Amino acid sequence: MNRNPIIPFVLIMVMGIGLMFLLSFKGLGDAKDLAKEKEGGGKTEETAEVNPEEFYQQTCAGCHGNQYEGVSGPSLKGVGSKYSKDEIKDILTNGKGNMPPGMAAGKEEQMAEWIVKELK
């Protein structure tokens, strides 16, 4: 009743190689989906409806403060009456001063509308 000790190792090796091939093909399929999404063919996070208040708290409050009072960035109180909606969209898209461009990528329209209405 001598068993060959190599058989378990060979089985593990064969299963490992098979798993590598399976995951490689899975990755190729995912790569095609990611490329399609990047071209705009799939639904992305940017196309989803956003709650401007929540987005502000997650992204902007660090610099502009929880109460819009300004911390390292300027105060946003009164910005809605100081700038037009298009000017705010331009600032969100291209940045201004220390504000980097693209902070609200894909959400500029909704954020600018919210700022004009809420931060007068």
N, C-alpha and C. Protein backbone atom coordinates (compact mmCIF):
# COMPACT_ATOMS: atom_id res chain seq x y z
N MET A 1 0.81 -1.18 0.00
CA MET A 1 0.00 0.00 0.00
C MET A 1 0.87 1.26 0.00
N ASN A 2 1.77 1.28 -0.86
CA ASN A 2 2.58 2.48 -1.00
C ASN A 2 1.91 3.41 -1.99
N ARG A 3 1.64 4.61 -1.54
CA ARG A 3 1.06 5.62 -2.42
C ARG A 3 2.17 6.52 -2.94
N ASN A 4 1.95 7.04 -4.12
CA ASN A 4 2.92 7.93 -4.71
C ASN A 4 2.73 9.33 -4.10
N PRO A 5 3.72 9.88 -3.40
CA PRO A 5 3.56 11.17 -2.73
C PRO A 5 3.51 12.37 -3.70
N ILE A 6 3.84 12.16 -4.94
CA ILE A 6 3.87 13.25 -5.94
C ILE A 6 2.47 13.60 -6.43
N ILE A 7 1.54 12.67 -6.39
CA ILE A 7 0.20 12.87 -6.96
C ILE A 7 -0.52 14.09 -6.36
N PRO A 8 -0.55 14.29 -5.05
CA PRO A 8 -1.24 15.48 -4.54
C PRO A 8 -0.62 16.78 -5.05
N PHE A 9 0.69 16.82 -5.16
CA PHE A 9 1.35 18.03 -5.66
C PHE A 9 1.03 18.28 -7.12
N VAL A 10 0.96 17.24 -7.90
CA VAL A 10 0.62 17.37 -9.33
C VAL A 10 -0.82 17.86 -9.46
N LEU A 11 -1.74 17.33 -8.66
CA LEU A 11 -3.13 17.77 -8.71
C LEU A 11 -3.26 19.25 -8.34
N ILE A 12 -2.54 19.66 -7.31
CA ILE A 12 -2.57 21.06 -6.90
C ILE A 12 -2.02 21.94 -8.02
N MET A 13 -0.94 21.51 -8.67
CA MET A 13 -0.34 22.27 -9.75
C MET A 13 -1.31 22.40 -10.92
N VAL A 14 -1.96 21.32 -11.30
CA VAL A 14 -2.90 21.35 -12.42
C VAL A 14 -4.09 22.26 -12.10
N MET A 15 -4.60 22.17 -10.88
CA MET A 15 -5.71 23.05 -10.50
C MET A 15 -5.26 24.52 -10.49
N GLY A 16 -4.06 24.79 -10.02
CA GLY A 16 -3.55 26.15 -10.00
C GLY A 16 -3.40 26.73 -11.40
N ILE A 17 -2.86 25.94 -12.32
CA ILE A 17 -2.70 26.41 -13.70
C ILE A 17 -4.07 26.63 -14.34
N GLY A 18 -5.00 25.73 -14.09
CA GLY A 18 -6.35 25.90 -14.62
C GLY A 18 -7.01 27.16 -14.09
N LEU A 19 -6.83 27.43 -12.81
CA LEU A 19 -7.39 28.63 -12.20
C LEU A 19 -6.77 29.90 -12.79
N MET A 20 -5.47 29.86 -13.07
CA MET A 20 -4.81 31.02 -13.70
C MET A 20 -5.42 31.30 -15.07
N PHE A 21 -5.65 30.27 -15.87
CA PHE A 21 -6.26 30.47 -17.18
C PHE A 21 -7.69 31.01 -17.05
N LEU A 22 -8.46 30.45 -16.13
CA LEU A 22 -9.83 30.90 -15.92
C LEU A 22 -9.86 32.37 -15.52
N LEU A 23 -9.03 32.77 -14.59
CA LEU A 23 -9.01 34.17 -14.15
C LEU A 23 -8.48 35.09 -15.24
N SER A 24 -7.58 34.61 -16.07
CA SER A 24 -7.08 35.43 -17.18
C SER A 24 -8.20 35.73 -18.16
N PHE A 25 -8.99 34.74 -18.50
CA PHE A 25 -10.11 34.97 -19.42
C PHE A 25 -11.16 35.88 -18.79
N LYS A 26 -11.39 35.72 -17.50
CA LYS A 26 -12.31 36.60 -16.79
C LYS A 26 -11.80 38.05 -16.84
N GLY A 27 -10.50 38.23 -16.65
CA GLY A 27 -9.91 39.56 -16.70
C GLY A 27 -10.02 40.19 -18.07
N LEU A 28 -9.89 39.41 -19.12
CA LEU A 28 -10.04 39.94 -20.48
C LEU A 28 -11.45 40.46 -20.70
N GLY A 29 -12.43 39.73 -20.21
CA GLY A 29 -13.82 40.18 -20.34
C GLY A 29 -14.06 41.46 -19.56
N ASP A 30 -13.49 41.54 -18.35
CA ASP A 30 -13.64 42.75 -17.54
C ASP A 30 -12.95 43.93 -18.20
N ALA A 31 -11.81 43.69 -18.84
CA ALA A 31 -11.08 44.77 -19.50
C ALA A 31 -11.92 45.37 -20.62
N LYS A 32 -12.63 44.54 -21.36
CA LYS A 32 -13.49 45.03 -22.44
C LYS A 32 -14.62 45.89 -21.86
N ASP A 33 -15.21 45.44 -20.76
CA ASP A 33 -16.27 46.22 -20.12
C ASP A 33 -15.76 47.56 -19.60
N LEU A 34 -14.57 47.56 -19.01
CA LEU A 34 -13.99 48.80 -18.51
C LEU A 34 -13.68 49.77 -19.64
N ALA A 35 -13.18 49.24 -20.76
CA ALA A 35 -12.89 50.10 -21.91
C ALA A 35 -14.18 50.70 -22.46
N LYS A 36 -15.24 49.90 -22.52
CA LYS A 36 -16.52 50.40 -23.01
C LYS A 36 -17.07 51.48 -22.08
N GLU A 37 -16.93 51.26 -20.77
CA GLU A 37 -17.41 52.24 -19.79
C GLU A 37 -16.60 53.54 -19.88
N LYS A 38 -15.31 53.42 -20.11
CA LYS A 38 -14.46 54.60 -20.21
C LYS A 38 -14.81 55.42 -21.45
N GLU A 39 -15.23 54.77 -22.52
CA GLU A 39 -15.65 55.46 -23.73
C GLU A 39 -17.03 56.09 -23.58
N GLY A 40 -17.73 55.78 -22.51
CA GLY A 40 -19.04 56.35 -22.27
C GLY A 40 -20.17 55.40 -22.62
N GLY A 41 -19.86 54.17 -22.93
CA GLY A 41 -20.88 53.22 -23.31
C GLY A 41 -21.65 52.64 -22.15
N GLY A 42 -21.03 52.59 -20.99
CA GLY A 42 -21.70 52.02 -19.82
C GLY A 42 -22.12 53.11 -18.86
N LYS A 43 -22.94 52.74 -17.92
CA LYS A 43 -23.37 53.71 -16.91
C LYS A 43 -22.24 53.88 -15.91
N THR A 44 -21.87 55.11 -15.66
CA THR A 44 -20.80 55.38 -14.71
C THR A 44 -21.37 56.11 -13.50
N GLU A 45 -20.54 56.27 -12.53
CA GLU A 45 -20.92 56.96 -11.31
C GLU A 45 -21.25 58.42 -11.60
N GLU A 46 -20.58 59.00 -12.61
CA GLU A 46 -20.77 60.40 -12.92
C GLU A 46 -22.15 60.69 -13.50
N THR A 47 -22.76 59.69 -14.15
CA THR A 47 -24.05 59.92 -14.77
C THR A 47 -25.20 59.77 -13.76
N ALA A 48 -24.90 59.24 -12.60
CA ALA A 48 -25.93 59.04 -11.60
C ALA A 48 -26.35 60.38 -10.99
N GLU A 49 -27.58 60.44 -10.53
CA GLU A 49 -28.09 61.64 -9.87
C GLU A 49 -27.34 61.83 -8.56
N VAL A 50 -27.01 63.05 -8.25
CA VAL A 50 -26.23 63.34 -7.05
C VAL A 50 -27.01 64.29 -6.15
N ASN A 51 -26.90 64.10 -4.85
CA ASN A 51 -27.46 65.02 -3.89
C ASN A 51 -26.38 66.05 -3.61
N PRO A 52 -26.55 67.31 -4.05
CA PRO A 52 -25.49 68.31 -3.92
C PRO A 52 -25.05 68.55 -2.47
N GLU A 53 -25.97 68.52 -1.52
CA GLU A 53 -25.60 68.74 -0.12
C GLU A 53 -24.66 67.64 0.37
N GLU A 54 -24.99 66.38 0.06
CA GLU A 54 -24.14 65.26 0.47
C GLU A 54 -22.79 65.33 -0.23
N PHE A 55 -22.81 65.66 -1.52
CA PHE A 55 -21.56 65.78 -2.27
C PHE A 55 -20.68 66.87 -1.66
N TYR A 56 -21.29 67.98 -1.29
CA TYR A 56 -20.54 69.07 -0.65
C TYR A 56 -19.89 68.57 0.65
N GLN A 57 -20.66 67.89 1.48
CA GLN A 57 -20.14 67.42 2.76
C GLN A 57 -18.98 66.43 2.57
N GLN A 58 -19.06 65.59 1.53
CA GLN A 58 -18.02 64.60 1.29
C GLN A 58 -16.79 65.19 0.63
N THR A 59 -16.97 66.15 -0.28
CA THR A 59 -15.88 66.61 -1.12
C THR A 59 -15.39 68.00 -0.79
N CYS A 60 -16.28 68.91 -0.49
CA CYS A 60 -15.94 70.33 -0.42
C CYS A 60 -15.76 70.85 1.01
N ALA A 61 -16.42 70.22 1.98
CA ALA A 61 -16.43 70.74 3.34
C ALA A 61 -15.05 70.79 3.97
N GLY A 62 -14.14 69.96 3.53
CA GLY A 62 -12.79 69.97 4.08
C GLY A 62 -12.10 71.31 3.91
N CYS A 63 -12.35 71.97 2.78
CA CYS A 63 -11.71 73.27 2.51
C CYS A 63 -12.65 74.44 2.77
N HIS A 64 -13.94 74.26 2.51
CA HIS A 64 -14.89 75.37 2.62
C HIS A 64 -15.69 75.35 3.91
N GLY A 65 -15.50 74.34 4.74
CA GLY A 65 -16.15 74.27 6.04
C GLY A 65 -17.55 73.68 5.99
N ASN A 66 -17.96 73.08 7.11
CA ASN A 66 -19.29 72.46 7.21
C ASN A 66 -20.42 73.46 7.08
N GLN A 67 -20.18 74.68 7.52
CA GLN A 67 -21.20 75.72 7.47
C GLN A 67 -20.87 76.76 6.39
N TYR A 68 -20.05 76.37 5.41
CA TYR A 68 -19.68 77.21 4.26
C TYR A 68 -18.85 78.42 4.69
N GLU A 69 -18.26 78.38 5.91
CA GLU A 69 -17.57 79.53 6.46
C GLU A 69 -16.15 79.69 5.93
N GLY A 70 -15.63 78.67 5.27
CA GLY A 70 -14.27 78.73 4.76
C GLY A 70 -13.28 78.25 5.80
N VAL A 71 -12.38 77.39 5.39
CA VAL A 71 -11.32 76.90 6.27
C VAL A 71 -10.01 77.25 5.56
N SER A 72 -9.52 76.34 4.73
CA SER A 72 -8.36 76.66 3.91
C SER A 72 -8.80 77.27 2.59
N GLY A 73 -10.05 77.03 2.21
CA GLY A 73 -10.64 77.65 1.03
C GLY A 73 -11.49 78.84 1.44
N PRO A 74 -11.94 79.64 0.51
CA PRO A 74 -12.73 80.82 0.86
C PRO A 74 -14.14 80.45 1.35
N SER A 75 -14.75 81.38 2.05
CA SER A 75 -16.12 81.21 2.50
C SER A 75 -17.04 81.18 1.28
N LEU A 76 -18.05 80.33 1.34
CA LEU A 76 -19.01 80.25 0.24
C LEU A 76 -20.30 80.99 0.54
N LYS A 77 -20.38 81.63 1.69
CA LYS A 77 -21.58 82.40 2.01
C LYS A 77 -21.68 83.58 1.06
N GLY A 78 -22.80 83.69 0.37
CA GLY A 78 -23.02 84.78 -0.56
C GLY A 78 -22.49 84.53 -1.96
N VAL A 79 -21.89 83.38 -2.20
CA VAL A 79 -21.33 83.09 -3.52
C VAL A 79 -22.42 83.01 -4.57
N GLY A 80 -23.60 82.53 -4.21
CA GLY A 80 -24.71 82.41 -5.16
C GLY A 80 -25.17 83.75 -5.70
N SER A 81 -24.99 84.80 -4.95
CA SER A 81 -25.37 86.12 -5.46
C SER A 81 -24.18 86.85 -6.10
N LYS A 82 -22.98 86.44 -5.77
CA LYS A 82 -21.77 87.08 -6.30
C LYS A 82 -21.44 86.58 -7.71
N TYR A 83 -21.64 85.28 -7.97
CA TYR A 83 -21.32 84.68 -9.26
C TYR A 83 -22.58 84.14 -9.92
N SER A 84 -22.57 84.10 -11.25
CA SER A 84 -23.69 83.48 -11.97
C SER A 84 -23.49 81.97 -11.99
N LYS A 85 -24.52 81.26 -12.40
CA LYS A 85 -24.45 79.80 -12.48
C LYS A 85 -23.34 79.37 -13.42
N ASP A 86 -23.19 80.06 -14.56
CA ASP A 86 -22.16 79.70 -15.52
C ASP A 86 -20.76 79.96 -14.98
N GLU A 87 -20.60 81.04 -14.22
CA GLU A 87 -19.29 81.33 -13.62
C GLU A 87 -18.93 80.27 -12.57
N ILE A 88 -19.91 79.82 -11.82
CA ILE A 88 -19.66 78.78 -10.81
C ILE A 88 -19.31 77.47 -11.50
N LYS A 89 -20.02 77.16 -12.58
CA LYS A 89 -19.69 75.95 -13.35
C LYS A 89 -18.26 76.01 -13.86
N ASP A 90 -17.85 77.19 -14.35
CA ASP A 90 -16.49 77.36 -14.85
C ASP A 90 -15.46 77.16 -13.74
N ILE A 91 -15.74 77.68 -12.56
CA ILE A 91 -14.82 77.50 -11.43
C ILE A 91 -14.74 76.03 -11.04
N LEU A 92 -15.88 75.33 -11.01
CA LEU A 92 -15.88 73.91 -10.67
C LEU A 92 -15.12 73.09 -11.71
N THR A 93 -15.22 73.49 -12.97
CA THR A 93 -14.56 72.75 -14.05
C THR A 93 -13.08 73.06 -14.13
N ASN A 94 -12.72 74.34 -14.11
CA ASN A 94 -11.33 74.75 -14.37
C ASN A 94 -10.55 75.13 -13.12
N GLY A 95 -11.22 75.24 -11.99
CA GLY A 95 -10.55 75.65 -10.77
C GLY A 95 -10.33 77.15 -10.73
N LYS A 96 -9.95 77.64 -9.57
CA LYS A 96 -9.67 79.07 -9.42
C LYS A 96 -8.87 79.23 -8.14
N GLY A 97 -7.77 79.96 -8.21
CA GLY A 97 -6.93 80.14 -7.04
C GLY A 97 -6.35 78.81 -6.59
N ASN A 98 -6.59 78.44 -5.33
CA ASN A 98 -6.08 77.17 -4.81
C ASN A 98 -6.99 75.99 -5.09
N MET A 99 -8.18 76.24 -5.64
CA MET A 99 -9.10 75.15 -5.92
C MET A 99 -8.66 74.42 -7.18
N PRO A 100 -8.42 73.11 -7.07
CA PRO A 100 -8.00 72.36 -8.25
C PRO A 100 -9.16 72.15 -9.21
N PRO A 101 -8.87 72.00 -10.49
CA PRO A 101 -9.94 71.75 -11.47
C PRO A 101 -10.51 70.34 -11.34
N GLY A 102 -11.75 70.20 -11.76
CA GLY A 102 -12.37 68.87 -11.83
C GLY A 102 -12.81 68.27 -10.52
N MET A 103 -12.99 69.07 -9.49
CA MET A 103 -13.40 68.52 -8.20
C MET A 103 -14.81 67.94 -8.24
N ALA A 104 -15.64 68.44 -9.14
CA ALA A 104 -17.02 67.95 -9.25
C ALA A 104 -17.25 67.41 -10.66
N ALA A 105 -16.30 66.65 -11.16
CA ALA A 105 -16.37 66.16 -12.53
C ALA A 105 -17.69 65.44 -12.81
N GLY A 106 -18.40 65.93 -13.81
CA GLY A 106 -19.68 65.34 -14.19
C GLY A 106 -20.86 65.83 -13.37
N LYS A 107 -20.60 66.59 -12.32
CA LYS A 107 -21.67 67.06 -11.43
C LYS A 107 -21.72 68.58 -11.39
N GLU A 108 -20.99 69.24 -12.29
CA GLU A 108 -20.87 70.70 -12.26
C GLU A 108 -22.22 71.39 -12.37
N GLU A 109 -23.07 70.92 -13.27
CA GLU A 109 -24.38 71.54 -13.50
C GLU A 109 -25.22 71.51 -12.23
N GLN A 110 -25.33 70.34 -11.62
CA GLN A 110 -26.15 70.20 -10.40
C GLN A 110 -25.56 70.99 -9.24
N MET A 111 -24.24 70.96 -9.10
CA MET A 111 -23.61 71.69 -8.00
C MET A 111 -23.75 73.19 -8.18
N ALA A 112 -23.57 73.70 -9.41
CA ALA A 112 -23.69 75.14 -9.66
C ALA A 112 -25.12 75.61 -9.38
N GLU A 113 -26.09 74.82 -9.81
CA GLU A 113 -27.50 75.17 -9.55
C GLU A 113 -27.77 75.21 -8.06
N TRP A 114 -27.25 74.24 -7.32
CA TRP A 114 -27.47 74.18 -5.88
C TRP A 114 -26.81 75.38 -5.19
N ILE A 115 -25.58 75.70 -5.60
CA ILE A 115 -24.85 76.82 -4.98
C ILE A 115 -25.60 78.13 -5.20
N VAL A 116 -26.11 78.35 -6.42
CA VAL A 116 -26.83 79.59 -6.71
C VAL A 116 -28.10 79.70 -5.87
N LYS A 117 -28.81 78.56 -5.70
CA LYS A 117 -30.06 78.58 -4.94
C LYS A 117 -29.83 78.67 -3.45
N GLU A 118 -28.90 77.88 -2.94
CA GLU A 118 -28.74 77.72 -1.48
C GLU A 118 -27.77 78.69 -0.84
N LEU A 119 -26.75 79.13 -1.54
CA LEU A 119 -25.71 79.93 -0.92
C LEU A 119 -25.76 81.39 -1.38
N LYS A 120 -26.90 82.02 -1.18
CA LYS A 120 -27.06 83.43 -1.57
C LYS A 120 -26.54 84.35 -0.51
